[in-house]
C-alpha atoms as a PDB file:
ATOM      1  CA  MET A   1      60.496 -47.206-112.306  1.00  0.00           C
ATOM      2  CA  ILE A   2      59.128 -46.453-108.853  1.00  0.00           C
ATOM      3  CA  PRO A   3      55.416 -47.236-108.374  1.00  0.00           C
ATOM      4  CA  CYS A   4      54.341 -43.977-106.771  1.00  0.00           C
ATOM      5  CA  LEU A   5      55.740 -40.490-106.167  1.00  0.00           C
ATOM      6  CA  LEU A   6      54.246 -37.551-104.264  1.00  0.00           C
ATOM      7  CA  ILE A   7      55.807 -34.133-104.743  1.00  0.00           C
ATOM      8  CA  GLY A   8      55.062 -30.688-103.375  1.00  0.00           C
ATOM      9  CA  ASP A   9      54.043 -29.108-100.099  1.00  0.00           C
ATOM     10  CA  SER A  10      52.724 -30.053 -96.640  1.00  0.00           C
ATOM     11  CA  ILE A  11      49.572 -31.603 -98.111  1.00  0.00           C
ATOM     12  CA  ALA A  12      51.763 -33.932-100.191  1.00  0.00           C
ATOM     13  CA  LEU A  13      53.657 -34.821 -97.000  1.00  0.00           C
ATOM     14  CA  GLY A  14      50.411 -35.612 -95.184  1.00  0.00           C
ATOM     15  CA  VAL A  15      49.086 -37.809 -97.977  1.00  0.00           C
ATOM     16  CA  GLY A  16      52.504 -39.432 -98.326  1.00  0.00           C
ATOM     17  CA  ASN A  17      52.366 -40.475 -94.675  1.00  0.00           C
ATOM     18  CA  THR A  18      49.322 -42.610 -95.538  1.00  0.00           C
ATOM     19  CA  LEU A  19      51.007 -44.203 -98.574  1.00  0.00           C
ATOM     20  CA  PRO A  20      54.192 -45.886 -97.350  1.00  0.00           C
ATOM     21  CA  GLU A  21      54.632 -47.541-100.754  1.00  0.00           C
ATOM     22  CA  CYS A  22      55.171 -44.102-102.295  1.00  0.00           C
ATOM     23  CA  ARG A  23      58.255 -41.924-102.330  1.00  0.00           C
ATOM     24  CA  THR A  24      57.491 -38.417-101.046  1.00  0.00           C
ATOM     25  CA  GLU A  25      59.573 -35.389-102.029  1.00  0.00           C
ATOM     26  CA  ALA A  26      57.905 -32.429-100.377  1.00  0.00           C
ATOM     27  CA  ARG A  27      58.554 -29.498 -98.035  1.00  0.00           C
ATOM     28  CA  VAL A  28      56.243 -27.695 -95.639  1.00  0.00           C
ATOM     29  CA  GLY A  29      55.357 -24.215 -96.899  1.00  0.00           C
ATOM     30  CA  ILE A  30      57.109 -24.531-100.249  1.00  0.00           C
ATOM     31  CA  SER A  31      55.849 -22.381-103.102  1.00  0.00           C
ATOM     32  CA  SER A  32      55.821 -23.537-106.701  1.00  0.00           C
ATOM     33  CA  ARG A  33      58.646 -21.046-107.391  1.00  0.00           C
ATOM     34  CA  GLN A  34      60.766 -22.465-104.563  1.00  0.00           C
ATOM     35  CA  PHE A  35      60.043 -26.011-105.751  1.00  0.00           C
ATOM     36  CA  VAL A  36      61.158 -25.138-109.300  1.00  0.00           C
ATOM     37  CA  HIS A  37      64.389 -23.547-108.048  1.00  0.00           C
ATOM     38  CA  GLN A  38      65.250 -25.998-105.250  1.00  0.00           C
ATOM     39  CA  LEU A  39      63.761 -29.421-105.967  1.00  0.00           C
ATOM     40  CA  LEU A  40      62.933 -29.615-109.668  1.00  0.00           C
ATOM     41  CA  SER A  41      64.503 -32.558-111.451  1.00  0.00           C
ATOM     42  CA  PRO A  42      63.220 -35.055-114.001  1.00  0.00           C
ATOM     43  CA  ARG A  43      61.119 -37.705-112.283  1.00  0.00           C
ATOM     44  CA  GLU A  44      59.484 -40.881-113.479  1.00  0.00           C
ATOM     45  CA  ALA A  45      56.977 -43.039-111.628  1.00  0.00           C
ATOM     46  CA  ASP A  46      53.959 -45.119-112.480  1.00  0.00           C
ATOM     47  CA  ARG A  47      51.746 -42.731-110.472  1.00  0.00           C
ATOM     48  CA  VAL A  48      52.689 -39.145-109.644  1.00  0.00           C
ATOM     49  CA  VAL A  49      50.732 -36.961-107.224  1.00  0.00           C
ATOM     50  CA  ILE A  50      51.422 -33.209-107.165  1.00  0.00           C
ATOM     51  CA  SER A  51      50.383 -30.739-104.466  1.00  0.00           C
ATOM     52  CA  LEU A  52      51.786 -27.308-105.273  1.00  0.00           C
ATOM     53  CA  GLY A  53      50.654 -23.714-105.680  1.00  0.00           C
ATOM     54  CA  VAL A  54      48.720 -23.043-102.511  1.00  0.00           C
ATOM     55  CA  ASN A  55      51.714 -21.314-100.895  1.00  0.00           C
ATOM     56  CA  ASP A  56      52.099 -18.944-103.858  1.00  0.00           C
ATOM     57  CA  GLY A  57      49.367 -16.482-102.937  1.00  0.00           C
ATOM     58  CA  VAL A  58      48.078 -14.799-106.090  1.00  0.00           C
ATOM     59  CA  SER A  59      51.240 -15.000-108.180  1.00  0.00           C
ATOM     60  CA  PRO A  60      51.240 -14.428-111.928  1.00  0.00           C
ATOM     61  CA  GLN A  61      53.997 -17.072-112.105  1.00  0.00           C
ATOM     62  CA  THR A  62      51.971 -19.946-110.602  1.00  0.00           C
ATOM     63  CA  VAL A  63      50.764 -21.400-113.917  1.00  0.00           C
ATOM     64  CA  ALA A  64      54.247 -21.165-115.476  1.00  0.00           C
ATOM     65  CA  ASN A  65      55.832 -22.793-112.413  1.00  0.00           C
ATOM     66  CA  LEU A  66      53.264 -25.610-112.324  1.00  0.00           C
ATOM     67  CA  GLN A  67      53.833 -26.105-116.050  1.00  0.00           C
ATOM     68  CA  ARG A  68      57.596 -26.444-115.475  1.00  0.00           C
ATOM     69  CA  VAL A  69      56.998 -29.005-112.733  1.00  0.00           C
ATOM     70  CA  ARG A  70      54.620 -30.972-114.944  1.00  0.00           C
ATOM     71  CA  ASN A  71      57.052 -30.881-117.884  1.00  0.00           C
ATOM     72  CA  SER A  72      59.680 -32.564-115.680  1.00  0.00           C
ATOM     73  CA  ILE A  73      57.429 -35.544-114.887  1.00  0.00           C
ATOM     74  CA  ARG A  74      56.815 -38.803-116.685  1.00  0.00           C
ATOM     75  CA  GLY A  75      54.097 -41.004-115.257  1.00  0.00           C
ATOM     76  CA  SER A  76      51.418 -43.429-116.385  1.00  0.00           C
ATOM     77  CA  ALA A  77      48.946 -41.443-114.286  1.00  0.00           C
ATOM     78  CA  VAL A  78      49.386 -37.953-112.864  1.00  0.00           C
ATOM     79  CA  TYR A  79      47.119 -36.559-110.157  1.00  0.00           C
ATOM     80  CA  TRP A  80      46.892 -32.995-108.870  1.00  0.00           C
ATOM     81  CA  LEU A  81      45.593 -32.302-105.370  1.00  0.00           C
ATOM     82  CA  LEU A  82      43.236 -29.326-105.497  1.00  0.00           C
ATOM     83  CA  PRO A  83      43.532 -27.279-102.300  1.00  0.00           C
ATOM     84  CA  ALA A  84      40.415 -26.121-100.483  1.00  0.00           C
ATOM     85  CA  ASN A  85      39.256 -22.499-100.716  1.00  0.00           C
ATOM     86  CA  HIS A  86      42.101 -21.081-102.804  1.00  0.00           C
ATOM     87  CA  GLU A  87      40.294 -20.313-106.059  1.00  0.00           C
ATOM     88  CA  TYR A  88      43.285 -18.728-107.823  1.00  0.00           C
ATOM     89  CA  THR A  89      45.413 -21.800-107.161  1.00  0.00           C
ATOM     90  CA  ARG A  90      42.565 -24.191-107.981  1.00  0.00           C
ATOM     91  CA  ALA A  91      42.130 -22.459-111.359  1.00  0.00           C
ATOM     92  CA  ALA A  92      45.889 -22.602-112.072  1.00  0.00           C
ATOM     93  CA  ILE A  93      46.019 -26.327-111.252  1.00  0.00           C
ATOM     94  CA  ARG A  94      42.928 -27.040-113.359  1.00  0.00           C
ATOM     95  CA  GLU A  95      44.504 -25.205-116.309  1.00  0.00           C
ATOM     96  CA  VAL A  96      47.761 -27.177-116.183  1.00  0.00           C
ATOM     97  CA  ALA A  97      46.062 -30.517-115.467  1.00  0.00           C
ATOM     98  CA  ALA A  98      43.646 -30.029-118.393  1.00  0.00           C
ATOM     99  CA  ARG A  99      46.549 -29.334-120.735  1.00  0.00           C
ATOM    100  CA  TYR A 100      47.923 -32.821-120.004  1.00  0.00           C
ATOM    101  CA  GLY A 101      44.733 -34.760-119.378  1.00  0.00           C
ATOM    102  CA  ASP A 102      45.770 -35.293-115.737  1.00  0.00           C
ATOM    103  CA  ARG A 103      43.337 -36.246-112.999  1.00  0.00           C
ATOM    104  CA  LEU A 104      42.186 -33.947-110.171  1.00  0.00           C
ATOM    105  CA  ILE A 105      41.566 -34.922-106.553  1.00  0.00           C
ATOM    106  CA  ASP A 106      39.697 -32.296-104.555  1.00  0.00           C
ATOM    107  CA  CYS A 107      40.931 -31.898-100.975  1.00  0.00           C
ATOM    108  CA  ALA A 108      38.050 -29.575-100.001  1.00  0.00           C
ATOM    109  CA  PRO A 109      35.716 -32.301 -98.650  1.00  0.00           C
ATOM    110  CA  GLU A 110      38.508 -33.509 -96.326  1.00  0.00           C
ATOM    111  CA  VAL A 111      39.667 -30.148 -94.971  1.00  0.00           C
ATOM    112  CA  GLY A 112      40.176 -29.543 -91.267  1.00  0.00           C
ATOM    113  CA  ARG A 113      39.736 -26.513 -89.038  1.00  0.00           C
ATOM    114  CA  ASP A 114      42.420 -24.380 -90.667  1.00  0.00           C
ATOM    115  CA  GLY A 115      40.507 -24.405 -93.955  1.00  0.00           C
ATOM    116  CA  LEU A 116      43.478 -25.786 -95.892  1.00  0.00           C
ATOM    117  CA  HIS A 117      44.972 -28.994 -94.538  1.00  0.00           C
ATOM    118  CA  PRO A 118      42.942 -32.208 -94.455  1.00  0.00           C
ATOM    119  CA  THR A 119      42.126 -33.852 -91.143  1.00  0.00           C
ATOM    120  CA  GLY A 120      43.917 -37.066 -90.190  1.00  0.00           C
ATOM    121  CA  ALA A 121      40.949 -39.037 -91.512  1.00  0.00           C
ATOM    122  CA  GLY A 122      40.945 -36.795 -94.583  1.00  0.00           C
ATOM    123  CA  TYR A 123      44.575 -37.596 -95.373  1.00  0.00           C
ATOM    124  CA  ARG A 124      43.792 -41.307 -95.031  1.00  0.00           C
ATOM    125  CA  LYS A 125      40.799 -40.934 -97.371  1.00  0.00           C
ATOM    126  CA  LEU A 126      42.873 -39.062 -99.976  1.00  0.00           C
ATOM    127  CA  GLY A 127      45.554 -41.759 -99.758  1.00  0.00           C
ATOM    128  CA  ALA A 128      42.912 -44.457-100.175  1.00  0.00           C
ATOM    129  CA  MET A 129      41.532 -42.638-103.245  1.00  0.00           C
ATOM    130  CA  ILE A 130      44.998 -42.564-104.830  1.00  0.00           C
ATOM    131  CA  ARG A 131      45.571 -46.235-104.011  1.00  0.00           C
ATOM    132  CA  ALA A 132      42.121 -47.214-105.365  1.00  0.00           C
ATOM    133  CA  ALA A 133      42.704 -45.262-108.577  1.00  0.00           C
ATOM    134  CA  ALA A 134      45.900 -47.241-109.147  1.00  0.00           C
ATOM    135  CA  HIS A 135      44.098 -50.559-108.650  1.00  0.00           C
ATOM    136  CA  HIS A 136      41.235 -49.428-110.877  1.00  0.00           C
ATOM    137  CA  ARG A 137      43.698 -48.649-113.693  1.00  0.00           C
ATOM    138  CA  ALA A 138      45.590 -51.935-113.367  1.00  0.00           C
END
């Protein structure tokens, strides 16, 4: 089993760049629907970090798509990155994460000028939080 896997969108890519020990399977601008249709496959890792949904807009399919992604994952610990300022997506992620008892990591405190993506320091801080959570569990 791989120790760490990040899946999803550009935020997952950014965090993945700070965690070289993790495998990252993500695409810039990908929606949860596109992820389900293009990249979904069963995955297993000790820690899984998911960043999806923010590119969906207000889609009635977001929760169902996130649920399908989550159903394909086996991990000792699963984390969802909550995007900044997208309340519809934040609510969808919270709903799916709560269903599984997954952990949430809020990106909002680390956001940069565009109001969505973390700053360089923010990505490093998010990566450090994920790494620290793994050591805390061990």
